Protein backbone atom coordinates (compact mmCIF):
# COMPACT_ATOMS: atom_id res chain seq x y z
CA MET A 1 93.92 -6.28 52.84
CA LYS A 2 90.87 -5.05 52.78
CA LEU A 3 89.99 -1.82 52.01
CA LYS A 4 88.21 -0.90 55.39
CA GLN A 5 91.50 -2.13 56.90
CA LEU A 6 93.35 0.10 54.61
CA ILE A 7 91.48 3.23 55.73
CA LYS A 8 92.28 2.40 58.97
CA LYS A 9 95.85 1.98 58.85
CA CYS A 10 95.93 5.27 56.86
CA ALA A 11 93.92 7.07 59.61
CA GLN A 12 97.10 5.99 62.15
CA LYS A 13 99.29 7.81 59.60
CA ASP A 14 100.70 4.17 58.11
CA ARG A 15 102.93 5.34 55.12
CA LYS A 16 102.66 1.57 53.33
CA ALA A 17 98.73 2.24 53.44
CA GLN A 18 98.66 5.32 52.19
CA ALA A 19 100.81 3.93 49.44
CA GLN A 20 98.52 1.17 48.60
CA ILE A 21 95.14 3.69 48.64
CA TYR A 22 97.31 5.79 46.47
CA GLN A 23 98.35 3.12 44.07
CA LEU A 24 94.30 1.97 44.03
CA TYR A 25 93.16 5.33 43.18
CA ALA A 26 95.82 7.40 41.44
CA ALA A 27 95.22 6.97 37.67
CA LYS A 28 90.95 7.18 38.04
CA LEU A 29 91.55 10.57 40.11
CA PHE A 30 93.90 11.66 37.90
CA SER A 31 91.75 11.52 34.93
CA LEU A 32 89.32 13.60 37.15
CA CYS A 33 92.17 16.23 37.77
CA LEU A 34 92.60 16.54 34.08
CA LYS A 35 88.82 17.06 33.80
CA TYR A 36 89.48 20.46 36.19
CA SER A 37 92.99 21.27 34.77
CA LYS A 38 94.03 23.35 32.24
CA ASN A 39 97.14 20.70 31.34
CA LYS A 40 98.78 17.52 32.73
CA GLN A 41 100.96 19.81 35.35
CA GLU A 42 98.06 21.62 36.90
CA ALA A 43 96.29 18.46 37.19
CA GLU A 44 99.20 16.82 38.88
CA ASP A 45 99.40 19.37 41.39
CA ASN A 46 95.83 19.08 41.95
CA LEU A 47 96.27 15.40 42.40
CA GLN A 48 99.31 15.68 44.89
CA ASN A 49 97.12 18.16 46.93
CA GLY A 50 93.92 16.36 46.98
CA PHE A 51 95.84 13.19 48.03
CA MET A 52 97.47 15.32 51.02
CA THR A 53 93.77 16.47 52.03
CA ILE A 54 92.61 12.72 51.56
CA PHE A 55 95.02 11.57 53.91
CA LYS A 56 94.78 14.23 56.45
CA LYS A 57 91.19 13.99 56.91
CA ILE A 58 90.72 10.05 56.18
CA ASP A 59 89.72 9.76 59.73
CA GLN A 60 86.57 11.70 58.92
CA PHE A 61 85.48 8.91 56.54
CA LYS A 62 82.77 7.16 58.55
CA PHE A 63 82.29 3.96 55.98
CA LYS A 64 78.96 5.48 55.37
CA GLY A 65 78.51 5.50 51.39
CA SER A 66 81.22 5.14 48.70
CA PHE A 67 84.89 5.66 49.71
CA GLU A 68 85.56 6.41 46.43
CA GLY A 69 83.00 8.79 46.18
CA TRP A 70 84.08 10.71 49.15
CA ILE A 71 87.56 10.76 47.63
CA LYS A 72 86.13 12.13 44.58
CA ARG A 73 84.81 15.05 46.34
CA ILE A 74 87.64 15.64 47.88
CA ILE A 75 89.74 15.88 44.47
CA VAL A 76 86.85 18.24 42.97
CA ASN A 77 86.92 20.57 45.84
CA THR A 78 90.81 20.76 45.64
CA ALA A 79 90.69 21.71 42.13
CA LEU A 80 87.92 24.24 42.83
CA GLN A 81 89.95 25.75 46.08
CA THR A 82 93.02 26.04 43.91
CA TYR A 83 91.30 28.36 41.44
CA ARG A 84 89.44 30.30 44.56
CA THR A 85 92.69 30.70 46.08
CA LYS A 86 94.48 31.81 42.87
CA GLY A 87 91.74 33.88 41.93
CA MET A 88 91.67 32.07 38.41
CA LEU A 89 87.89 31.17 38.99
CA SER A 90 86.90 34.74 37.50
CA LEU A 91 83.43 34.09 37.29
CA VAL A 92 80.96 36.14 35.02
CA HIS A 93 77.63 36.81 36.49
CA GLU A 94 75.57 36.84 33.12
CA GLU A 95 71.61 35.92 32.50
CA TYR A 96 70.69 32.63 31.60
CA ILE A 97 70.72 32.09 27.64
CA GLU A 98 68.91 29.02 26.23
CA ASP A 99 70.78 25.98 26.33
CA GLU A 100 72.38 24.49 23.24
CA THR A 101 72.39 20.58 22.60
CA VAL A 102 75.77 19.49 21.05
CA LEU A 103 75.26 16.27 18.89
CA VAL A 104 78.77 14.45 18.58
CA ASP A 105 79.46 11.71 16.22
CA GLU A 106 81.23 9.71 18.68
CA GLU A 107 83.29 7.74 16.15
CA ALA A 108 84.42 10.70 14.68
CA ILE A 109 86.06 12.50 17.66
CA SER A 110 88.16 10.67 20.42
CA LEU A 111 87.58 11.22 24.02
CA ASP A 112 91.12 12.68 24.43
CA TYR A 113 90.36 15.20 21.90
CA LEU A 114 87.19 16.24 23.75
CA LEU A 115 89.07 16.63 26.77
CA ALA A 116 91.84 18.74 25.41
CA LEU A 117 88.83 21.15 23.85
CA ILE A 118 87.38 20.67 27.48
CA GLN A 119 90.57 21.92 28.79
CA GLU A 120 90.68 24.79 26.69
CA LEU A 121 87.37 26.15 27.77
CA PRO A 122 87.81 29.15 30.11
CA ASP A 123 88.17 28.45 34.08
CA ARG A 124 84.74 29.19 34.49
CA TYR A 125 82.88 27.64 32.07
CA ARG A 126 85.22 24.64 32.24
CA MET A 127 84.46 24.35 35.96
CA VAL A 128 80.48 24.63 35.49
CA PHE A 129 80.57 22.33 32.50
CA ASN A 130 82.55 19.80 34.35
CA LEU A 131 80.88 19.60 37.50
CA TYR A 132 77.24 19.51 35.79
CA VAL A 133 77.79 17.19 32.68
CA LEU A 134 80.97 15.23 33.68
CA ASP A 135 80.08 14.73 37.44
CA GLY A 136 76.60 15.44 37.89
CA TYR A 137 75.81 18.18 40.45
CA SER A 138 72.80 20.54 39.94
CA HIS A 139 73.31 23.98 39.35
CA LYS A 140 71.95 24.72 42.84
CA GLU A 141 74.78 22.69 44.09
CA ILE A 142 77.33 24.24 41.69
CA ALA A 143 76.15 27.60 42.63
CA LYS A 144 76.68 27.00 46.11
CA MET A 145 80.39 25.25 45.37
CA LEU A 146 81.20 28.62 43.57
CA THR A 147 79.52 30.83 45.00
CA ILE A 148 77.54 32.31 42.27
CA SER A 149 74.05 32.42 41.43
CA GLU A 150 72.26 29.41 39.48
CA GLY A 151 71.45 31.58 36.37
CA THR A 152 75.07 32.45 36.12
CA SER A 153 75.55 28.81 36.63
CA LYS A 154 73.37 28.09 33.83
CA SER A 155 74.36 30.61 31.65
CA ASN A 156 78.36 29.45 31.86
CA LEU A 157 77.11 26.43 30.97
CA SER A 158 75.38 27.31 27.82
CA ARG A 159 78.45 29.61 26.80
CA ALA A 160 80.30 26.05 27.40
CA ARG A 161 78.52 23.93 25.29
CA SER A 162 78.51 27.02 22.77
CA ILE A 163 82.27 27.19 22.34
CA LEU A 164 82.44 23.26 22.40
CA LYS A 165 80.03 23.15 19.99
CA ARG A 166 81.75 25.66 17.15
CA LYS A 167 84.92 23.97 17.68
CA ILE A 168 83.72 20.20 17.05
CA GLU A 169 81.89 21.61 14.05
CA ALA A 170 84.99 23.28 13.18
CA ASN A 171 86.77 20.27 13.34
CA ASP A 172 84.34 18.23 11.58
CA ALA A 173 84.44 21.29 8.66
CA HIS A 174 88.41 20.69 8.68
CA SER A 175 88.30 16.87 8.58
CA PHE A 176 85.57 17.07 5.79
CA LEU A 177 87.84 19.28 3.53
CA ALA A 178 91.04 17.18 4.30
CA LYS A 179 89.20 14.24 2.54
């Protein structure tokens, strides 16, 4: 069955079509959820809540643009809404700090390790880092999504990069000493 037909059947509340959409996208969306979550359990919760929203609003998809892009946006918004609702996203309003560049030896650090470091970031920094670096949103878009100023978005990104840089350098030093 083609994607367009699956989407139309999902809009008619067809459980088999919903299961097929879930099978097609769950793994990719779970990876996205992991970026915005502290741990696997929280990512699973965000994935399930996101799919509930996707199936509830699937009739609003007008086949303009990518379906995958549309559902990814729902997943990101679901994760952000979770933090807003629980009051977990306590953003610190800070002045902009000069941006730090983090150079990573891609052969020396695994993607899993980097993801674990990102998950350890404080919520406010992790959200801005993921939205900007991993998902390509602008500071203006992030400011609107998180109801903060653009300067705060830039500052939070800079702090996140600084924390990651320190942790990566500490890991490199530890690896060097272990040799």
